[in-house]
Amino acid sequence: MLLAGFFLTANDAITKWLVPHYPPGQILFIQALVIALLAALWLGLRGEPLLRVSNWRLHLLRGLLYAAGSFAFVYALGFLPLAEVVAIVFAGPLFMTLLARFFLRERVGPHRLAAVVVGFVGVLIVIRPGSEAMTWAVLLPLAVALLDSIRDIVTRRMTTGESSQRIVLTTALVLALAGSSTSLQGWQSLRQVDLVWFVTSASCFVIANFFMIEAFRHAQIVVIAPFKYLQLCWSIIAGLLFWGEVPDLLVIVGIGVIFSSGIYIGWREARLGRQSKITVDH
């Protein structure tokens, strides 16, 4: 999950750089097309059939959730700083912790629930409802957070019968179809130099999603979700280096609250896991 966060930030930063030059649908279509090609090549090298899936409904659902979230995210990058977008999106692991209780029957105790509430307070600090700093654009990353949390629940169910590479492939195909539906909305001629950036961002996406899906395969969502928060650090660094985006004090405080709540959930889960192991061993 730590590696997934690093490569996702690289993909996000490249996407934000491309936003002023191309419409969101065109960006997502090209990225998805390259992602599908890379995933298909990976499956081919492994000798696996490309589209032999056990449950097409889950693949289609994951792809649609990812496409909706991707459009909202790319639009948000055009209005908000990278770190702020990512910070609001990180309400996703909080949603995921709660949804895991209802859809995956994973236990959510009072300590974890309190940490989730604190995390949402951090999101509110970043958004600042009712202030001049809040714009309609903050609704976009909030939508991404909810969509991504549902997508991750679906992913957890899929990992029992599907390879990570095939999940990435089908998601990319759905995203490419969604992006192509916007082709009549003023697509721009592709500059040759940007093709390198599209390939790089797609490669980062494939690597990130492979690590993320593998994380869901080997651990409970409530344990690994908090480690996604370290992506916030990479986003702040990228925004500062490439766009000179310096988060104000309240944004930093909000990010700190979100980060702390997620780390507390992970620390407590690890502690409870060790205690359970000791009990079993004795």
Protein backbone atom coordinates (compact mmCIF):
# COMPACT_ATOMS: atom_id res chain seq x y z
CA MET A 1 0.00 0.00 0.00
CA LEU A 2 2.93 2.34 0.67
CA LEU A 3 4.31 1.67 -2.81
CA ALA A 4 0.85 2.10 -4.32
CA GLY A 5 0.60 5.55 -2.74
CA PHE A 6 3.92 6.68 -4.19
CA PHE A 7 3.09 5.63 -7.75
CA LEU A 8 -0.46 7.01 -7.51
CA THR A 9 0.98 10.41 -6.58
CA ALA A 10 3.26 10.28 -9.61
CA ASN A 11 0.25 9.50 -11.80
CA ASP A 12 -1.79 12.31 -10.18
CA ALA A 13 0.99 14.85 -10.65
CA ILE A 14 1.43 14.01 -14.35
CA THR A 15 -2.35 14.14 -14.85
CA LYS A 16 -2.53 17.60 -13.24
CA TRP A 17 0.22 18.77 -15.58
CA LEU A 18 -1.78 17.50 -18.59
CA VAL A 19 -5.11 19.05 -17.50
CA PRO A 20 -4.49 22.55 -19.02
CA HIS A 21 -3.63 21.00 -22.38
CA TYR A 22 -6.34 18.35 -22.91
CA PRO A 23 -9.99 17.74 -21.91
CA PRO A 24 -10.48 15.29 -19.00
CA GLY A 25 -12.16 12.68 -21.21
CA GLN A 26 -9.25 12.68 -23.67
CA ILE A 27 -6.70 12.39 -20.86
CA LEU A 28 -8.53 9.44 -19.31
CA PHE A 29 -9.05 7.73 -22.69
CA ILE A 30 -5.37 7.86 -23.64
CA GLN A 31 -4.22 6.83 -20.17
CA ALA A 32 -6.72 3.96 -20.06
CA LEU A 33 -5.73 2.77 -23.54
CA VAL A 34 -2.05 2.60 -22.58
CA ILE A 35 -2.96 0.97 -19.26
CA ALA A 36 -5.00 -1.70 -21.06
CA LEU A 37 -2.12 -2.42 -23.44
CA LEU A 38 0.37 -2.74 -20.58
CA ALA A 39 -1.95 -5.00 -18.58
CA ALA A 40 -2.67 -7.17 -21.64
CA LEU A 41 1.06 -7.50 -22.31
CA TRP A 42 1.64 -8.46 -18.68
CA LEU A 43 -1.07 -11.14 -18.85
CA GLY A 44 0.32 -12.39 -22.16
CA LEU A 45 3.80 -12.79 -20.69
CA ARG A 46 2.27 -14.76 -17.82
CA GLY A 47 0.47 -17.00 -20.28
CA GLU A 48 -2.97 -16.10 -18.92
CA PRO A 49 -6.10 -15.61 -21.06
CA LEU A 50 -6.93 -11.93 -21.32
CA LEU A 51 -10.67 -11.80 -20.71
CA ARG A 52 -11.55 -15.05 -18.98
CA VAL A 53 -13.20 -13.63 -15.86
CA SER A 54 -15.33 -15.30 -13.21
CA ASN A 55 -17.81 -12.45 -12.68
CA TRP A 56 -18.31 -9.82 -15.37
CA ARG A 57 -20.79 -7.89 -13.25
CA LEU A 58 -18.17 -7.13 -10.59
CA HIS A 59 -15.61 -6.16 -13.25
CA LEU A 60 -18.10 -3.83 -14.93
CA LEU A 61 -19.16 -2.34 -11.58
CA ARG A 62 -15.54 -1.71 -10.55
CA GLY A 63 -14.80 -0.15 -13.92
CA LEU A 64 -17.81 2.18 -13.78
CA LEU A 65 -16.99 3.24 -10.22
CA TYR A 66 -13.40 3.91 -11.22
CA ALA A 67 -14.45 5.84 -14.34
CA ALA A 68 -16.86 8.08 -12.40
CA GLY A 69 -14.24 8.72 -9.73
CA SER A 70 -11.54 9.41 -12.33
CA PHE A 71 -13.61 12.04 -14.14
CA ALA A 72 -14.40 13.78 -10.85
CA PHE A 73 -10.74 13.67 -9.82
CA VAL A 74 -9.39 15.08 -13.08
CA TYR A 75 -11.95 17.89 -13.06
CA ALA A 76 -11.01 18.66 -9.44
CA LEU A 77 -7.32 18.98 -10.40
CA GLY A 78 -8.27 21.84 -12.68
CA PHE A 79 -9.74 23.86 -9.78
CA LEU A 80 -7.88 22.88 -6.60
CA PRO A 81 -4.26 22.36 -5.47
CA LEU A 82 -3.01 18.76 -5.71
CA ALA A 83 -2.48 18.33 -1.95
CA GLU A 84 -5.96 19.67 -1.16
CA VAL A 85 -7.63 17.35 -3.68
CA VAL A 86 -5.76 14.33 -2.33
CA ALA A 87 -6.49 15.34 1.28
CA ILE A 88 -10.24 15.46 0.64
CA VAL A 89 -10.11 12.22 -1.34
CA PHE A 90 -8.59 10.65 1.75
CA ALA A 91 -11.99 10.65 3.32
CA GLY A 92 -12.13 7.45 1.23
CA PRO A 93 -10.33 5.20 3.74
CA LEU A 94 -12.66 6.57 6.42
CA PHE A 95 -15.70 5.66 4.32
CA MET A 96 -14.03 2.33 3.59
CA THR A 97 -13.59 1.52 7.25
CA LEU A 98 -17.29 2.06 7.86
CA LEU A 99 -18.46 0.28 4.72
CA ALA A 100 -16.25 -2.72 5.50
CA ARG A 101 -18.38 -3.25 8.59
CA PHE A 102 -21.58 -3.61 6.56
CA PHE A 103 -20.39 -5.24 3.33
CA LEU A 104 -17.46 -7.39 4.46
CA ARG A 105 -18.56 -8.07 8.04
CA GLU A 106 -15.28 -6.71 9.38
CA ARG A 107 -15.51 -5.54 12.98
CA VAL A 108 -15.41 -1.78 13.64
CA GLY A 109 -15.02 -1.14 17.39
CA PRO A 110 -15.54 2.11 19.33
CA HIS A 111 -11.85 3.13 19.14
CA ARG A 112 -11.77 2.76 15.37
CA LEU A 113 -15.14 4.50 15.02
CA ALA A 114 -13.84 7.42 17.11
CA ALA A 115 -10.76 7.65 14.88
CA VAL A 116 -13.01 7.74 11.80
CA VAL A 117 -15.01 10.63 13.32
CA VAL A 118 -11.76 12.51 14.04
CA GLY A 119 -10.67 11.88 10.44
CA PHE A 120 -13.88 13.41 9.11
CA VAL A 121 -13.28 16.43 11.33
CA GLY A 122 -9.92 16.77 9.57
CA VAL A 123 -11.69 16.70 6.20
CA LEU A 124 -14.04 19.46 7.38
CA ILE A 125 -11.04 21.55 8.45
CA VAL A 126 -9.61 21.26 4.94
CA ILE A 127 -12.95 22.01 3.27
CA ARG A 128 -13.99 24.78 5.72
CA PRO A 129 -17.76 24.72 5.08
CA GLY A 130 -19.30 28.19 4.99
CA SER A 131 -16.00 30.01 4.45
CA GLU A 132 -14.80 31.85 1.37
CA ALA A 133 -12.15 29.17 0.91
CA MET A 134 -14.82 26.57 0.16
CA THR A 135 -15.96 26.32 -3.46
CA TRP A 136 -18.28 23.93 -5.26
CA ALA A 137 -15.15 22.13 -6.54
CA VAL A 138 -14.56 20.47 -3.14
CA LEU A 139 -17.63 18.32 -3.86
CA LEU A 140 -15.67 16.61 -6.64
CA PRO A 141 -12.96 15.01 -4.44
CA LEU A 142 -15.65 14.17 -1.86
CA ALA A 143 -17.48 12.25 -4.57
CA VAL A 144 -14.20 10.56 -5.48
CA ALA A 145 -13.74 9.54 -1.84
CA LEU A 146 -17.12 7.82 -1.67
CA LEU A 147 -16.82 6.18 -5.10
CA ASP A 148 -13.30 4.93 -4.36
CA SER A 149 -14.36 3.43 -1.04
CA ILE A 150 -17.16 1.47 -2.72
CA ARG A 151 -14.75 0.46 -5.49
CA ASP A 152 -12.29 -0.88 -2.92
CA ILE A 153 -15.03 -2.93 -1.28
CA VAL A 154 -15.80 -4.45 -4.69
CA THR A 155 -12.07 -5.03 -5.26
CA ARG A 156 -11.79 -6.94 -2.01
CA ARG A 157 -14.55 -9.30 -3.16
CA MET A 158 -12.93 -9.78 -6.57
CA THR A 159 -9.45 -10.71 -5.32
CA THR A 160 -10.56 -14.21 -4.29
CA GLY A 161 -11.04 -15.32 -7.88
CA GLU A 162 -9.25 -12.88 -10.20
CA SER A 163 -5.63 -11.94 -10.82
CA SER A 164 -4.56 -8.36 -10.17
CA GLN A 165 -3.49 -7.89 -13.79
CA ARG A 166 -6.89 -8.94 -15.16
CA ILE A 167 -8.72 -6.61 -12.78
CA VAL A 168 -6.52 -3.72 -13.97
CA LEU A 169 -7.18 -4.68 -17.62
CA THR A 170 -10.98 -4.77 -17.38
CA THR A 171 -11.06 -1.54 -15.37
CA ALA A 172 -8.92 0.18 -17.99
CA LEU A 173 -11.19 -1.02 -20.81
CA VAL A 174 -14.27 0.40 -19.10
CA LEU A 175 -12.42 3.67 -18.42
CA ALA A 176 -11.32 3.87 -22.08
CA LEU A 177 -14.92 3.42 -23.25
CA ALA A 178 -16.08 6.11 -20.82
CA GLY A 179 -13.37 8.49 -22.00
CA SER A 180 -14.10 7.84 -25.69
CA SER A 181 -17.71 8.90 -25.17
CA THR A 182 -16.43 12.50 -24.82
CA SER A 183 -14.57 12.50 -28.16
CA LEU A 184 -16.95 15.04 -29.68
CA GLN A 185 -16.26 17.57 -26.93
CA GLY A 186 -13.25 19.34 -28.42
CA TRP A 187 -10.39 16.85 -28.17
CA GLN A 188 -6.97 18.34 -28.91
CA SER A 189 -4.21 17.10 -31.21
CA LEU A 190 -1.77 14.98 -29.23
CA ARG A 191 1.66 16.56 -28.91
CA GLN A 192 4.47 14.05 -29.37
CA VAL A 193 6.27 15.09 -26.19
CA ASP A 194 3.11 14.46 -24.17
CA LEU A 195 2.93 10.86 -25.34
CA VAL A 196 5.90 10.12 -23.07
CA TRP A 197 4.00 11.59 -20.12
CA PHE A 198 0.88 9.59 -20.93
CA VAL A 199 2.89 6.36 -21.07
CA THR A 200 4.68 7.25 -17.82
CA SER A 201 1.46 8.06 -15.98
CA ALA A 202 -0.18 4.88 -17.26
CA SER A 203 2.80 2.82 -16.14
CA CYS A 204 2.61 4.39 -12.68
CA PHE A 205 -1.10 3.59 -12.59
CA VAL A 206 -0.56 -0.08 -13.48
CA ILE A 207 2.18 -0.47 -10.87
CA ALA A 208 0.14 1.34 -8.20
CA ASN A 209 -3.02 -0.66 -8.80
CA PHE A 210 -1.12 -3.94 -8.84
CA PHE A 211 0.34 -3.17 -5.40
CA MET A 212 -3.02 -1.93 -4.11
CA ILE A 213 -4.93 -5.00 -5.28
CA GLU A 214 -2.26 -7.27 -3.83
CA ALA A 215 -2.58 -5.42 -0.53
CA PHE A 216 -6.33 -6.06 -0.50
CA ARG A 217 -5.65 -9.69 -1.34
CA HIS A 218 -3.40 -10.30 1.67
CA ALA A 219 -4.91 -8.15 4.45
CA GLN A 220 -8.14 -6.74 5.83
CA ILE A 221 -9.18 -3.35 4.48
CA VAL A 222 -9.33 -1.83 7.97
CA VAL A 223 -5.67 -2.74 8.53
CA ILE A 224 -4.12 -1.51 5.28
CA ALA A 225 -6.37 1.47 4.47
CA PRO A 226 -4.56 3.85 6.89
CA PHE A 227 -1.26 3.37 5.06
CA LYS A 228 -2.77 5.14 2.06
CA TYR A 229 -2.48 8.35 4.09
CA LEU A 230 1.24 8.62 3.45
CA GLN A 231 0.29 9.56 -0.10
CA LEU A 232 -0.60 12.96 1.37
CA CYS A 233 3.09 13.63 2.05
CA TRP A 234 4.05 12.86 -1.55
CA SER A 235 1.22 15.08 -2.83
CA ILE A 236 2.35 18.05 -0.73
CA ILE A 237 5.93 17.63 -1.97
CA ALA A 238 4.81 17.32 -5.63
CA GLY A 239 2.54 20.37 -5.39
CA LEU A 240 5.31 22.42 -3.81
CA LEU A 241 8.02 21.37 -6.28
CA PHE A 242 6.08 21.58 -9.55
CA TRP A 243 3.39 24.24 -8.98
CA GLY A 244 4.62 26.18 -5.97
CA GLU A 245 1.47 25.20 -4.07
CA VAL A 246 2.01 25.93 -0.38
CA PRO A 247 -0.88 24.64 1.79
CA ASP A 248 -2.15 27.21 4.27
CA LEU A 249 -2.14 26.53 8.01
CA LEU A 250 -5.70 25.16 8.21
CA VAL A 251 -5.10 22.75 5.33
CA ILE A 252 -1.94 21.50 7.04
CA VAL A 253 -3.83 21.09 10.33
CA GLY A 254 -6.64 19.23 8.56
CA ILE A 255 -4.19 16.95 6.77
CA GLY A 256 -2.46 16.28 10.09
CA VAL A 257 -5.77 15.31 11.72
CA ILE A 258 -6.69 13.00 8.80
CA PHE A 259 -3.23 11.46 8.81
CA SER A 260 -3.23 10.93 12.59
CA SER A 261 -6.64 9.25 12.64
CA GLY A 262 -5.60 6.84 9.90
CA ILE A 263 -2.31 5.97 11.57
CA TYR A 264 -4.12 5.39 14.88
CA ILE A 265 -6.48 2.92 13.21
CA GLY A 266 -3.53 1.04 11.72
CA TRP A 267 -1.56 1.06 14.99
CA ARG A 268 -4.51 -0.22 16.98
CA GLU A 269 -5.24 -2.98 14.48
CA ALA A 270 -1.61 -4.10 14.59
CA ARG A 271 -1.68 -4.07 18.40
CA LEU A 272 -4.91 -6.08 18.56
CA GLY A 273 -3.52 -8.50 16.00
CA ARG A 274 -0.42 -9.13 18.14
CA GLN A 275 -2.56 -9.64 21.25
CA SER A 276 -4.76 -12.13 19.43
CA LYS A 277 -1.73 -14.04 18.21
CA ILE A 278 -0.31 -14.20 21.74
CA THR A 279 -3.67 -15.47 23.04
CA VAL A 280 -3.81 -18.18 20.36
CA ASP A 281 -0.18 -19.21 20.94
CA HIS A 282 -0.84 -19.63 24.67
